Amino acid sequence: MRIALALVLAVTVAAFAGLEIVNSFDAPDSGIEGLAYTSGSLYAVSKNTNTLYVLDPSSGSVEDSWPVTPTNSNGLGYAGDLLYVTDGSSTVYKYTTSGYSDGTSIILCSG
């Protein structure tokens, strides 16, 4: 057991060895629950204000923002030219990077 734990620790340390913090700044509000990065912009979603923010990744300044449908957003992702906002239910809300709704998807999972 100790050998396996030591191996996991060594792999974890090696995986993060080359990483460095390149910038930090204050969040646009205190309820940020998800981040996504694409095409030179950083996106952040807030559960407190139901807002999706477009941030300048160099300065953290808000370049744009728009309301999102989920009233308790708790996750954000990007794939295939769309931003995906979740609220902890089976519904995923889709948005373009310009803030337009692109519908919803239902994700069914079983455990």
PDB file of N, CA and C in Angstrom:
ATOM      1  N   MET A   1       0.815  -1.193   0.000  1.00  0.00           N
ATOM      2  CA  MET A   1       0.000   0.000   0.000  1.00  0.00           C
ATOM      3  C   MET A   1       0.860   1.259   0.000  1.00  0.00           C
ATOM      4  N   ARG A   2       1.954   1.254   0.769  1.00  0.00           N
ATOM      5  CA  ARG A   2       2.831   2.418   0.823  1.00  0.00           C
ATOM      6  C   ARG A   2       3.500   2.677  -0.523  1.00  0.00           C
ATOM      7  N   ILE A   3       3.861   1.601  -1.229  1.00  0.00           N
ATOM      8  CA  ILE A   3       4.493   1.766  -2.539  1.00  0.00           C
ATOM      9  C   ILE A   3       3.516   2.390  -3.519  1.00  0.00           C
ATOM     10  N   ALA A   4       2.275   1.935  -3.515  1.00  0.00           N
ATOM     11  CA  ALA A   4       1.261   2.486  -4.414  1.00  0.00           C
ATOM     12  C   ALA A   4       1.012   3.948  -4.088  1.00  0.00           C
ATOM     13  N   LEU A   5       0.917   4.299  -2.821  1.00  0.00           N
ATOM     14  CA  LEU A   5       0.692   5.679  -2.416  1.00  0.00           C
ATOM     15  C   LEU A   5       1.870   6.556  -2.826  1.00  0.00           C
ATOM     16  N   ALA A   6       3.086   6.064  -2.645  1.00  0.00           N
ATOM     17  CA  ALA A   6       4.272   6.818  -3.037  1.00  0.00           C
ATOM     18  C   ALA A   6       4.300   7.030  -4.545  1.00  0.00           C
ATOM     19  N   LEU A   7       3.900   6.021  -5.316  1.00  0.00           N
ATOM     20  CA  LEU A   7       3.858   6.137  -6.766  1.00  0.00           C
ATOM     21  C   LEU A   7       2.828   7.170  -7.202  1.00  0.00           C
ATOM     22  N   VAL A   8       1.641   7.145  -6.593  1.00  0.00           N
ATOM     23  CA  VAL A   8       0.597   8.133  -6.912  1.00  0.00           C
ATOM     24  C   VAL A   8       1.089   9.535  -6.585  1.00  0.00           C
ATOM     25  N   LEU A   9       1.724   9.704  -5.443  1.00  0.00           N
ATOM     26  CA  LEU A   9       2.254  11.000  -5.051  1.00  0.00           C
ATOM     27  C   LEU A   9       3.321  11.472  -6.027  1.00  0.00           C
ATOM     28  N   ALA A  10       4.226  10.588  -6.434  1.00  0.00           N
ATOM     29  CA  ALA A  10       5.286  10.949  -7.371  1.00  0.00           C
ATOM     30  C   ALA A  10       4.720  11.352  -8.731  1.00  0.00           C
ATOM     31  N   VAL A  11       3.723  10.613  -9.211  1.00  0.00           N
ATOM     32  CA  VAL A  11       3.090  10.945 -10.495  1.00  0.00           C
ATOM     33  C   VAL A  11       2.370  12.287 -10.401  1.00  0.00           C
ATOM     34  N   THR A  12       1.674  12.530  -9.295  1.00  0.00           N
ATOM     35  CA  THR A  12       0.962  13.792  -9.102  1.00  0.00           C
ATOM     36  C   THR A  12       1.929  14.966  -9.079  1.00  0.00           C
ATOM     37  N   VAL A  13       3.007  14.852  -8.335  1.00  0.00           N
ATOM     38  CA  VAL A  13       4.014  15.920  -8.273  1.00  0.00           C
ATOM     39  C   VAL A  13       4.624  16.150  -9.647  1.00  0.00           C
ATOM     40  N   ALA A  14       4.941  15.092 -10.370  1.00  0.00           N
ATOM     41  CA  ALA A  14       5.526  15.222 -11.707  1.00  0.00           C
ATOM     42  C   ALA A  14       4.551  15.892 -12.673  1.00  0.00           C
ATOM     43  N   ALA A  15       3.266  15.609 -12.546  1.00  0.00           N
ATOM     44  CA  ALA A  15       2.265  16.186 -13.446  1.00  0.00           C
ATOM     45  C   ALA A  15       2.153  17.693 -13.267  1.00  0.00           C
ATOM     46  N   PHE A  16       2.363  18.175 -12.053  1.00  0.00           N
ATOM     47  CA  PHE A  16       2.224  19.605 -11.783  1.00  0.00           C
ATOM     48  C   PHE A  16       3.561  20.327 -11.718  1.00  0.00           C
ATOM     49  N   ALA A  17       4.657  19.648 -11.938  1.00  0.00           N
ATOM     50  CA  ALA A  17       5.985  20.239 -11.786  1.00  0.00           C
ATOM     51  C   ALA A  17       6.225  21.397 -12.752  1.00  0.00           C
ATOM     52  N   GLY A  18       5.722  21.315 -13.966  1.00  0.00           N
ATOM     53  CA  GLY A  18       5.978  22.355 -14.955  1.00  0.00           C
ATOM     54  C   GLY A  18       4.948  23.469 -14.975  1.00  0.00           C
ATOM     55  N   LEU A  19       3.955  23.410 -14.110  1.00  0.00           N
ATOM     56  CA  LEU A  19       2.905  24.422 -14.110  1.00  0.00           C
ATOM     57  C   LEU A  19       3.309  25.639 -13.295  1.00  0.00           C
ATOM     58  N   GLU A  20       2.846  26.786 -13.743  1.00  0.00           N
ATOM     59  CA  GLU A  20       3.097  28.006 -12.993  1.00  0.00           C
ATOM     60  C   GLU A  20       1.893  28.931 -13.127  1.00  0.00           C
ATOM     61  N   ILE A  21       1.694  29.761 -12.141  1.00  0.00           N
ATOM     62  CA  ILE A  21       0.635  30.774 -12.200  1.00  0.00           C
ATOM     63  C   ILE A  21       1.162  31.918 -13.048  1.00  0.00           C
ATOM     64  N   VAL A  22       0.439  32.246 -14.110  1.00  0.00           N
ATOM     65  CA  VAL A  22       0.887  33.313 -14.999  1.00  0.00           C
ATOM     66  C   VAL A  22       0.168  34.630 -14.751  1.00  0.00           C
ATOM     67  N   ASN A  23      -0.972  34.567 -14.064  1.00  0.00           N
ATOM     68  CA  ASN A  23      -1.701  35.795 -13.756  1.00  0.00           C
ATOM     69  C   ASN A  23      -2.755  35.485 -12.710  1.00  0.00           C
ATOM     70  N   SER A  24      -3.145  36.485 -11.962  1.00  0.00           N
ATOM     71  CA  SER A  24      -4.264  36.348 -11.034  1.00  0.00           C
ATOM     72  C   SER A  24      -4.945  37.699 -10.916  1.00  0.00           C
ATOM     73  N   PHE A  25      -6.240  37.675 -10.660  1.00  0.00           N
ATOM     74  CA  PHE A  25      -7.022  38.896 -10.508  1.00  0.00           C
ATOM     75  C   PHE A  25      -8.306  38.548  -9.777  1.00  0.00           C
ATOM     76  N   ASP A  26      -8.995  39.581  -9.290  1.00  0.00           N
ATOM     77  CA  ASP A  26     -10.250  39.375  -8.575  1.00  0.00           C
ATOM     78  C   ASP A  26     -11.333  38.905  -9.536  1.00  0.00           C
ATOM     79  N   ALA A  27     -12.201  38.046  -9.033  1.00  0.00           N
ATOM     80  CA  ALA A  27     -13.347  37.570  -9.815  1.00  0.00           C
ATOM     81  C   ALA A  27     -14.347  38.713  -9.986  1.00  0.00           C
ATOM     82  N   PRO A  28     -15.146  38.682 -11.046  1.00  0.00           N
ATOM     83  CA  PRO A  28     -16.122  39.756 -11.267  1.00  0.00           C
ATOM     84  C   PRO A  28     -17.231  39.799 -10.225  1.00  0.00           C
ATOM     85  N   ASP A  29     -17.504  38.679  -9.564  1.00  0.00           N
ATOM     86  CA  ASP A  29     -18.408  38.670  -8.409  1.00  0.00           C
ATOM     87  C   ASP A  29     -18.082  37.458  -7.543  1.00  0.00           C
ATOM     88  N   SER A  30     -18.716  37.368  -6.391  1.00  0.00           N
ATOM     89  CA  SER A  30     -18.326  36.347  -5.405  1.00  0.00           C
ATOM     90  C   SER A  30     -18.946  34.976  -5.652  1.00  0.00           C
ATOM     91  N   GLY A  31     -19.760  34.833  -6.687  1.00  0.00           N
ATOM     92  CA  GLY A  31     -20.436  33.557  -6.915  1.00  0.00           C
ATOM     93  C   GLY A  31     -19.927  32.764  -8.097  1.00  0.00           C
ATOM     94  N   ILE A  32     -18.692  32.979  -8.531  1.00  0.00           N
ATOM     95  CA  ILE A  32     -18.174  32.272  -9.701  1.00  0.00           C
ATOM     96  C   ILE A  32     -18.076  30.782  -9.399  1.00  0.00           C
ATOM     97  N   GLU A  33     -18.708  29.984 -10.267  1.00  0.00           N
ATOM     98  CA  GLU A  33     -18.762  28.533 -10.084  1.00  0.00           C
ATOM     99  C   GLU A  33     -18.167  27.762 -11.249  1.00  0.00           C
ATOM    100  N   GLY A  34     -17.744  28.434 -12.303  1.00  0.00           N
ATOM    101  CA  GLY A  34     -17.176  27.721 -13.434  1.00  0.00           C
ATOM    102  C   GLY A  34     -16.382  28.654 -14.324  1.00  0.00           C
ATOM    103  N   LEU A  35     -15.330  28.112 -14.934  1.00  0.00           N
ATOM    104  CA  LEU A  35     -14.479  28.856 -15.853  1.00  0.00           C
ATOM    105  C   LEU A  35     -14.281  28.053 -17.129  1.00  0.00           C
ATOM    106  N   ALA A  36     -14.144  28.756 -18.242  1.00  0.00           N
ATOM    107  CA  ALA A  36     -13.802  28.131 -19.520  1.00  0.00           C
ATOM    108  C   ALA A  36     -12.960  29.125 -20.301  1.00  0.00           C
ATOM    109  N   TYR A  37     -12.039  28.620 -21.107  1.00  0.00           N
ATOM    110  CA  TYR A  37     -11.166  29.472 -21.905  1.00  0.00           C
ATOM    111  C   TYR A  37     -11.208  29.015 -23.353  1.00  0.00           C
ATOM    112  N   THR A  38     -11.358  29.981 -24.257  1.00  0.00           N
ATOM    113  CA  THR A  38     -11.279  29.686 -25.686  1.00  0.00           C
ATOM    114  C   THR A  38     -11.047  30.969 -26.466  1.00  0.00           C
ATOM    115  N   SER A  39     -10.349  30.864 -27.550  1.00  0.00           N
ATOM    116  CA  SER A  39     -10.143  31.956 -28.507  1.00  0.00           C
ATOM    117  C   SER A  39      -9.708  33.254 -27.846  1.00  0.00           C
ATOM    118  N   GLY A  40      -8.854  33.170 -26.845  1.00  0.00           N
ATOM    119  CA  GLY A  40      -8.315  34.364 -26.218  1.00  0.00           C
ATOM    120  C   GLY A  40      -9.189  35.007 -25.170  1.00  0.00           C
ATOM    121  N   SER A  41     -10.312  34.402 -24.831  1.00  0.00           N
ATOM    122  CA  SER A  41     -11.198  34.947 -23.803  1.00  0.00           C
ATOM    123  C   SER A  41     -11.407  33.927 -22.691  1.00  0.00           C
ATOM    124  N   LEU A  42     -11.556  34.446 -21.483  1.00  0.00           N
ATOM    125  CA  LEU A  42     -11.867  33.629 -20.320  1.00  0.00           C
ATOM    126  C   LEU A  42     -13.330  33.876 -19.973  1.00  0.00           C
ATOM    127  N   TYR A  43     -14.094  32.814 -19.785  1.00  0.00           N
ATOM    128  CA  TYR A  43     -15.507  32.911 -19.459  1.00  0.00           C
ATOM    129  C   TYR A  43     -15.701  32.445 -18.020  1.00  0.00           C
ATOM    130  N   ALA A  44     -16.580  33.133 -17.300  1.00  0.00           N
ATOM    131  CA  ALA A  44     -16.878  32.774 -15.910  1.00  0.00           C
ATOM    132  C   ALA A  44     -18.382  32.853 -15.708  1.00  0.00           C
ATOM    133  N   VAL A  45     -18.956  31.882 -14.997  1.00  0.00           N
ATOM    134  CA  VAL A  45     -20.389  31.882 -14.734  1.00  0.00           C
ATOM    135  C   VAL A  45     -20.616  32.035 -13.234  1.00  0.00           C
ATOM    136  N   SER A  46     -21.618  32.847 -12.885  1.00  0.00           N
ATOM    137  CA  SER A  46     -21.916  33.125 -11.486  1.00  0.00           C
ATOM    138  C   SER A  46     -23.257  32.541 -11.075  1.00  0.00           C
ATOM    139  N   LYS A  47     -23.268  31.836  -9.947  1.00  0.00           N
ATOM    140  CA  LYS A  47     -24.522  31.317  -9.408  1.00  0.00           C
ATOM    141  C   LYS A  47     -25.289  32.412  -8.665  1.00  0.00           C
ATOM    142  N   ASN A  48     -24.601  33.444  -8.197  1.00  0.00           N
ATOM    143  CA  ASN A  48     -25.265  34.509  -7.441  1.00  0.00           C
ATOM    144  C   ASN A  48     -26.069  35.455  -8.327  1.00  0.00           C
ATOM    145  N   THR A  49     -25.525  35.774  -9.485  1.00  0.00           N
ATOM    146  CA  THR A  49     -26.170  36.757 -10.361  1.00  0.00           C
ATOM    147  C   THR A  49     -26.735  36.144 -11.640  1.00  0.00           C
ATOM    148  N   ASN A  50     -26.559  34.810 -11.823  1.00  0.00           N
ATOM    149  CA  ASN A  50     -27.011  34.137 -13.046  1.00  0.00           C
ATOM    150  C   ASN A  50     -26.474  34.855 -14.283  1.00  0.00           C
ATOM    151  N   THR A  51     -25.181  35.138 -14.230  1.00  0.00           N
ATOM    152  CA  THR A  51     -24.523  35.899 -15.286  1.00  0.00           C
ATOM    153  C   THR A  51     -23.325  35.137 -15.803  1.00  0.00           C
ATOM    154  N   LEU A  52     -23.130  35.190 -17.124  1.00  0.00           N
ATOM    155  CA  LEU A  52     -21.929  34.664 -17.742  1.00  0.00           C
ATOM    156  C   LEU A  52     -21.080  35.863 -18.152  1.00  0.00           C
ATOM    157  N   TYR A  53     -19.840  35.901 -17.659  1.00  0.00           N
ATOM    158  CA  TYR A  53     -18.930  37.010 -17.925  1.00  0.00           C
ATOM    159  C   TYR A  53     -17.895  36.598 -18.957  1.00  0.00           C
ATOM    160  N   VAL A  54     -17.527  37.545 -19.832  1.00  0.00           N
ATOM    161  CA  VAL A  54     -16.408  37.384 -20.741  1.00  0.00           C
ATOM    162  C   VAL A  54     -15.293  38.261 -20.184  1.00  0.00           C
ATOM    163  N   LEU A  55     -14.156  37.632 -19.843  1.00  0.00           N
ATOM    164  CA  LEU A  55     -13.064  38.354 -19.202  1.00  0.00           C
ATOM    165  C   LEU A  55     -11.833  38.409 -20.091  1.00  0.00           C
ATOM    166  N   ASP A  56     -11.103  39.492 -19.975  1.00  0.00           N
ATOM    167  CA  ASP A  56      -9.790  39.581 -20.595  1.00  0.00           C
ATOM    168  C   ASP A  56      -8.839  38.777 -19.710  1.00  0.00           C
ATOM    169  N   PRO A  57      -8.228  37.692 -20.224  1.00  0.00           N
ATOM    170  CA  PRO A  57      -7.388  36.851 -19.372  1.00  0.00           C
ATOM    171  C   PRO A  57      -6.101  37.536 -18.908  1.00  0.00           C
ATOM    172  N   SER A  58      -5.733  38.648 -19.521  1.00  0.00           N
ATOM    173  CA  SER A  58      -4.528  39.365 -19.100  1.00  0.00           C
ATOM    174  C   SER A  58      -4.786  40.285 -17.919  1.00  0.00           C
ATOM    175  N   SER A  59      -5.955  40.925 -17.916  1.00  0.00           N
ATOM    176  CA  SER A  59      -6.241  41.923 -16.883  1.00  0.00           C
ATOM    177  C   SER A  59      -7.385  41.540 -15.951  1.00  0.00           C
ATOM    178  N   GLY A  60      -8.243  40.622 -16.391  1.00  0.00           N
ATOM    179  CA  GLY A  60      -9.415  40.255 -15.607  1.00  0.00           C
ATOM    180  C   GLY A  60     -10.580  41.209 -15.805  1.00  0.00           C
ATOM    181  N   SER A  61     -10.421  42.208 -16.651  1.00  0.00           N
ATOM    182  CA  SER A  61     -11.511  43.158 -16.871  1.00  0.00           C
ATOM    183  C   SER A  61     -12.663  42.482 -17.607  1.00  0.00           C
ATOM    184  N   VAL A  62     -13.881  42.896 -17.267  1.00  0.00           N
ATOM    185  CA  VAL A  62     -15.077  42.337 -17.887  1.00  0.00           C
ATOM    186  C   VAL A  62     -15.262  42.988 -19.250  1.00  0.00           C
ATOM    187  N   GLU A  63     -15.216  42.177 -20.304  1.00  0.00           N
ATOM    188  CA  GLU A  63     -15.394  42.672 -21.667  1.00  0.00           C
ATOM    189  C   GLU A  63     -16.852  42.643 -22.091  1.00  0.00           C
ATOM    190  N   ASP A  64     -17.612  41.707 -21.531  1.00  0.00           N
ATOM    191  CA  ASP A  64     -19.024  41.565 -21.862  1.00  0.00           C
ATOM    192  C   ASP A  64     -19.651  40.671 -20.800  1.00  0.00           C
ATOM    193  N   SER A  65     -20.955  40.673 -20.724  1.00  0.00           N
ATOM    194  CA  SER A  65     -21.664  39.767 -19.816  1.00  0.00           C
ATOM    195  C   SER A  65     -23.100  39.654 -20.282  1.00  0.00           C
ATOM    196  N   TRP A  66     -23.737  38.565 -19.899  1.00  0.00           N
ATOM    197  CA  TRP A  66     -25.145  38.389 -20.224  1.00  0.00           C
ATOM    198  C   TRP A  66     -25.779  37.442 -19.213  1.00  0.00           C
ATOM    199  N   PRO A  67     -27.098  37.546 -19.045  1.00  0.00           N
ATOM    200  CA  PRO A  67     -27.786  36.637 -18.119  1.00  0.00           C
ATOM    201  C   PRO A  67     -27.879  35.235 -18.700  1.00  0.00           C
ATOM    202  N   VAL A  68     -27.865  34.244 -17.824  1.00  0.00           N
ATOM    203  CA  VAL A  68     -28.054  32.857 -18.243  1.00  0.00           C
ATOM    204  C   VAL A  68     -29.307  32.322 -17.572  1.00  0.00           C
ATOM    205  N   THR A  69     -29.884  31.300 -18.185  1.00  0.00           N
ATOM    206  CA  THR A  69     -31.151  30.747 -17.721  1.00  0.00           C
ATOM    207  C   THR A  69     -31.058  30.027 -16.381  1.00  0.00           C
ATOM    208  N   PRO A  70     -30.045  29.190 -16.148  1.00  0.00           N
ATOM    209  CA  PRO A  70     -30.036  28.486 -14.861  1.00  0.00           C
ATOM    210  C   PRO A  70     -30.008  29.477 -13.696  1.00  0.00           C
ATOM    211  N   THR A  71     -30.829  29.217 -12.686  1.00  0.00           N
ATOM    212  CA  THR A  71     -30.869  30.129 -11.542  1.00  0.00           C
ATOM    213  C   THR A  71     -29.876  29.732 -10.457  1.00  0.00           C
ATOM    214  N   ASN A  72     -29.159  28.653 -10.648  1.00  0.00           N
ATOM    215  CA  ASN A  72     -28.149  28.229  -9.687  1.00  0.00           C
ATOM    216  C   ASN A  72     -26.995  27.580 -10.452  1.00  0.00           C
ATOM    217  N   SER A  73     -26.386  28.347 -11.342  1.00  0.00           N
ATOM    218  CA  SER A  73     -25.316  27.812 -12.186  1.00  0.00           C
ATOM    219  C   SER A  73     -24.185  27.263 -11.330  1.00  0.00           C
ATOM    220  N   ASN A  74     -23.730  26.051 -11.663  1.00  0.00           N
ATOM    221  CA  ASN A  74     -22.629  25.490 -10.887  1.00  0.00           C
ATOM    222  C   ASN A  74     -21.553  24.841 -11.747  1.00  0.00           C
ATOM    223  N   GLY A  75     -21.553  25.130 -13.024  1.00  0.00           N
ATOM    224  CA  GLY A  75     -20.517  24.584 -13.879  1.00  0.00           C
ATOM    225  C   GLY A  75     -20.529  25.230 -15.246  1.00  0.00           C
ATOM    226  N   LEU A  76     -19.357  25.232 -15.895  1.00  0.00           N
ATOM    227  CA  LEU A  76     -19.223  25.844 -17.207  1.00  0.00           C
ATOM    228  C   LEU A  76     -18.189  25.053 -17.998  1.00  0.00           C
ATOM    229  N   GLY A  77     -18.480  24.820 -19.253  1.00  0.00           N
ATOM    230  CA  GLY A  77     -17.539  24.140 -20.129  1.00  0.00           C
ATOM    231  C   GLY A  77     -17.625  24.703 -21.528  1.00  0.00           C
ATOM    232  N   TYR A  78     -16.666  24.348 -22.361  1.00  0.00           N
ATOM    233  CA  TYR A  78     -16.648  24.800 -23.742  1.00  0.00           C
ATOM    234  C   TYR A  78     -16.301  23.625 -24.640  1.00  0.00           C
ATOM    235  N   ALA A  79     -17.052  23.470 -25.708  1.00  0.00           N
ATOM    236  CA  ALA A  79     -16.762  22.439 -26.710  1.00  0.00           C
ATOM    237  C   ALA A  79     -17.539  22.754 -27.978  1.00  0.00           C
ATOM    238  N   GLY A  80     -16.921  22.516 -29.120  1.00  0.00           N
ATOM    239  CA  GLY A  80     -17.614  22.654 -30.396  1.00  0.00           C
ATOM    240  C   GLY A  80     -18.235  24.008 -30.630  1.00  0.00           C
ATOM    241  N   ASP A  81     -17.560  25.074 -30.275  1.00  0.00           N
ATOM    242  CA  ASP A  81     -18.024  26.458 -30.469  1.00  0.00           C
ATOM    243  C   ASP A  81     -19.167  26.873 -29.553  1.00  0.00           C
ATOM    244  N   LEU A  82     -19.477  26.104 -28.528  1.00  0.00           N
ATOM    245  CA  LEU A  82     -20.542  26.468 -27.593  1.00  0.00           C
ATOM    246  C   LEU A  82     -20.045  26.422 -26.161  1.00  0.00           C
ATOM    247  N   LEU A  83     -20.646  27.277 -25.333  1.00  0.00           N
ATOM    248  CA  LEU A  83     -20.436  27.250 -23.892  1.00  0.00           C
ATOM    249  C   LEU A  83     -21.586  26.458 -23.285  1.00  0.00           C
ATOM    250  N   TYR A  84     -21.284  25.612 -22.320  1.00  0.00           N
ATOM    251  CA  TYR A  84     -22.286  24.772 -21.674  1.00  0.00           C
ATOM    252  C   TYR A  84     -22.362  25.131 -20.198  1.00  0.00           C
ATOM    253  N   VAL A  85     -23.552  25.545 -19.748  1.00  0.00           N
ATOM    254  CA  VAL A  85     -23.765  25.941 -18.357  1.00  0.00           C
ATOM    255  C   VAL A  85     -24.661  24.900 -17.698  1.00  0.00           C
ATOM    256  N   THR A  86     -24.261  24.433 -16.519  1.00  0.00           N
ATOM    257  CA  THR A  86     -25.063  23.455 -15.791  1.00  0.00           C
ATOM    258  C   THR A  86     -25.590  24.069 -14.501  1.00  0.00           C
ATOM    259  N   ASP A  87     -26.629  23.436 -13.970  1.00  0.00           N
ATOM    260  CA  ASP A  87     -27.196  23.904 -12.705  1.00  0.00           C
ATOM    261  C   ASP A  87     -27.371  22.760 -11.712  1.00  0.00           C
ATOM    262  N   GLY A  88     -26.653  21.677 -11.938  1.00  0.00           N
ATOM    263  CA  GLY A  88     -26.740  20.540 -11.034  1.00  0.00           C
ATOM    264  C   GLY A  88     -27.886  19.591 -11.330  1.00  0.00           C
ATOM    265  N   SER A  89     -28.681  19.901 -12.333  1.00  0.00           N
ATOM    266  CA  SER A  89     -29.761  19.007 -12.737  1.00  0.00           C
ATOM    267  C   SER A  89     -29.308  18.275 -14.000  1.00  0.00           C
ATOM    268  N   SER A  90     -30.219  17.622 -14.663  1.00  0.00           N
ATOM    269  CA  SER A  90     -29.866  16.917 -15.894  1.00  0.00           C
ATOM    270  C   SER A  90     -29.896  17.835 -17.113  1.00  0.00           C
ATOM    271  N   THR A  91     -30.244  19.104 -16.936  1.00  0.00           N
ATOM    272  CA  THR A  91     -30.330  20.038 -18.053  1.00  0.00           C
ATOM    273  C   THR A  91     -29.013  20.796 -18.212  1.00  0.00           C
ATOM    274  N   VAL A  92     -28.538  20.871 -19.449  1.00  0.00           N
ATOM    275  CA  VAL A  92     -27.354  21.649 -19.790  1.00  0.00           C
ATOM    276  C   VAL A  92     -27.805  22.744 -20.751  1.00  0.00           C
ATOM    277  N   TYR A  93     -27.475  23.980 -20.413  1.00  0.00           N
ATOM    278  CA  TYR A  93     -27.873  25.139 -21.212  1.00  0.00           C
ATOM    279  C   TYR A  93     -26.717  25.525 -22.121  1.00  0.00           C
ATOM    280  N   LYS A  94     -27.022  25.708 -23.421  1.00  0.00           N
ATOM    281  CA  LYS A  94     -25.993  25.986 -24.410  1.00  0.00           C
ATOM    282  C   LYS A  94     -26.053  27.453 -24.847  1.00  0.00           C
ATOM    283  N   TYR A  95     -24.871  28.076 -24.950  1.00  0.00           N
ATOM    284  CA  TYR A  95     -24.766  29.467 -25.376  1.00  0.00           C
ATOM    285  C   TYR A  95     -23.633  29.617 -26.375  1.00  0.00           C
ATOM    286  N   THR A  96     -23.823  30.538 -27.322  1.00  0.00           N
ATOM    287  CA  THR A  96     -22.726  30.901 -28.207  1.00  0.00           C
ATOM    288  C   THR A  96     -21.773  31.793 -27.413  1.00  0.00           C
ATOM    289  N   THR A  97     -20.570  31.987 -27.923  1.00  0.00           N
ATOM    290  CA  THR A  97     -19.616  32.858 -27.236  1.00  0.00           C
ATOM    291  C   THR A  97     -20.006  34.328 -27.342  1.00  0.00           C
ATOM    292  N   SER A  98     -21.076  34.623 -28.067  1.00  0.00           N
ATOM    293  CA  SER A  98     -21.623  35.981 -28.146  1.00  0.00           C
ATOM    294  C   SER A  98     -22.809  36.176 -27.213  1.00  0.00           C
ATOM    295  N   GLY A  99     -23.195  35.116 -26.501  1.00  0.00           N
ATOM    296  CA  GLY A  99     -24.252  35.247 -25.510  1.00  0.00           C
ATOM    297  C   GLY A  99     -25.631  34.820 -25.940  1.00  0.00           C
ATOM    298  N   TYR A 100     -25.755  34.244 -27.110  1.00  0.00           N
ATOM    299  CA  TYR A 100     -27.066  33.810 -27.575  1.00  0.00           C
ATOM    300  C   TYR A 100     -27.350  32.374 -27.131  1.00  0.00           C
ATOM    301  N   SER A 101     -28.574  32.154 -26.679  1.00  0.00           N
ATOM    302  CA  SER A 101     -28.969  30.809 -26.271  1.00  0.00           C
ATOM    303  C   SER A 101     -29.021  29.905 -27.494  1.00  0.00           C
ATOM    304  N   ASP A 102     -28.513  28.696 -27.338  1.00  0.00           N
ATOM    305  CA  ASP A 102     -28.548  27.711 -28.411  1.00  0.00           C
ATOM    306  C   ASP A 102     -29.312  26.474 -27.964  1.00  0.00           C
ATOM    307  N   GLY A 103     -30.239  26.679 -27.021  1.00  0.00           N
ATOM    308  CA  GLY A 103     -31.086  25.582 -26.569  1.00  0.00           C
ATOM    309  C   GLY A 103     -30.534  24.869 -25.348  1.00  0.00           C
ATOM    310  N   THR A 104     -31.092  23.712 -25.101  1.00  0.00           N
ATOM    311  CA  THR A 104     -30.701  22.905 -23.956  1.00  0.00           C
ATOM    312  C   THR A 104     -30.518  21.461 -24.383  1.00  0.00           C
ATOM    313  N   SER A 105     -29.835  20.719 -23.553  1.00  0.00           N
ATOM    314  CA  SER A 105     -29.703  19.278 -23.718  1.00  0.00           C
ATOM    315  C   SER A 105     -30.019  18.617 -22.388  1.00  0.00           C
ATOM    316  N   ILE A 106     -30.529  17.435 -22.436  1.00  0.00           N
ATOM    317  CA  ILE A 106     -30.796  16.662 -21.228  1.00  0.00           C
ATOM    318  C   ILE A 106     -29.732  15.566 -21.147  1.00  0.00           C
ATOM    319  N   ILE A 107     -29.057  15.500 -20.028  1.00  0.00           N
ATOM    320  CA  ILE A 107     -28.047  14.478 -19.788  1.00  0.00           C
ATOM    321  C   ILE A 107     -28.613  13.499 -18.775  1.00  0.00           C
ATOM    322  N   LEU A 108     -28.717  12.247 -19.140  1.00  0.00           N
ATOM    323  CA  LEU A 108     -29.219  11.227 -18.223  1.00  0.00           C
ATOM    324  C   LEU A 108     -28.065  10.375 -17.759  1.00  0.00           C
ATOM    325  N   CYS A 109     -27.895  10.297 -16.458  1.00  0.00           N
ATOM    326  CA  CYS A 109     -26.816   9.497 -15.874  1.00  0.00           C
ATOM    327  C   CYS A 109     -27.413   8.552 -14.857  1.00  0.00           C
ATOM    328  N   SER A 110     -26.773   7.439 -14.685  1.00  0.00           N
ATOM    329  CA  SER A 110     -27.198   6.513 -13.640  1.00  0.00           C
ATOM    330  C   SER A 110     -25.981   6.076 -12.861  1.00  0.00           C
ATOM    331  N   GLY A 111     -26.170   5.822 -11.622  1.00  0.00           N
ATOM    332  CA  GLY A 111     -25.025   5.487 -10.796  1.00  0.00           C
ATOM    333  C   GLY A 111     -25.141   4.134 -10.284  1.00  0.00           C
TER     334      GLY A 111
END
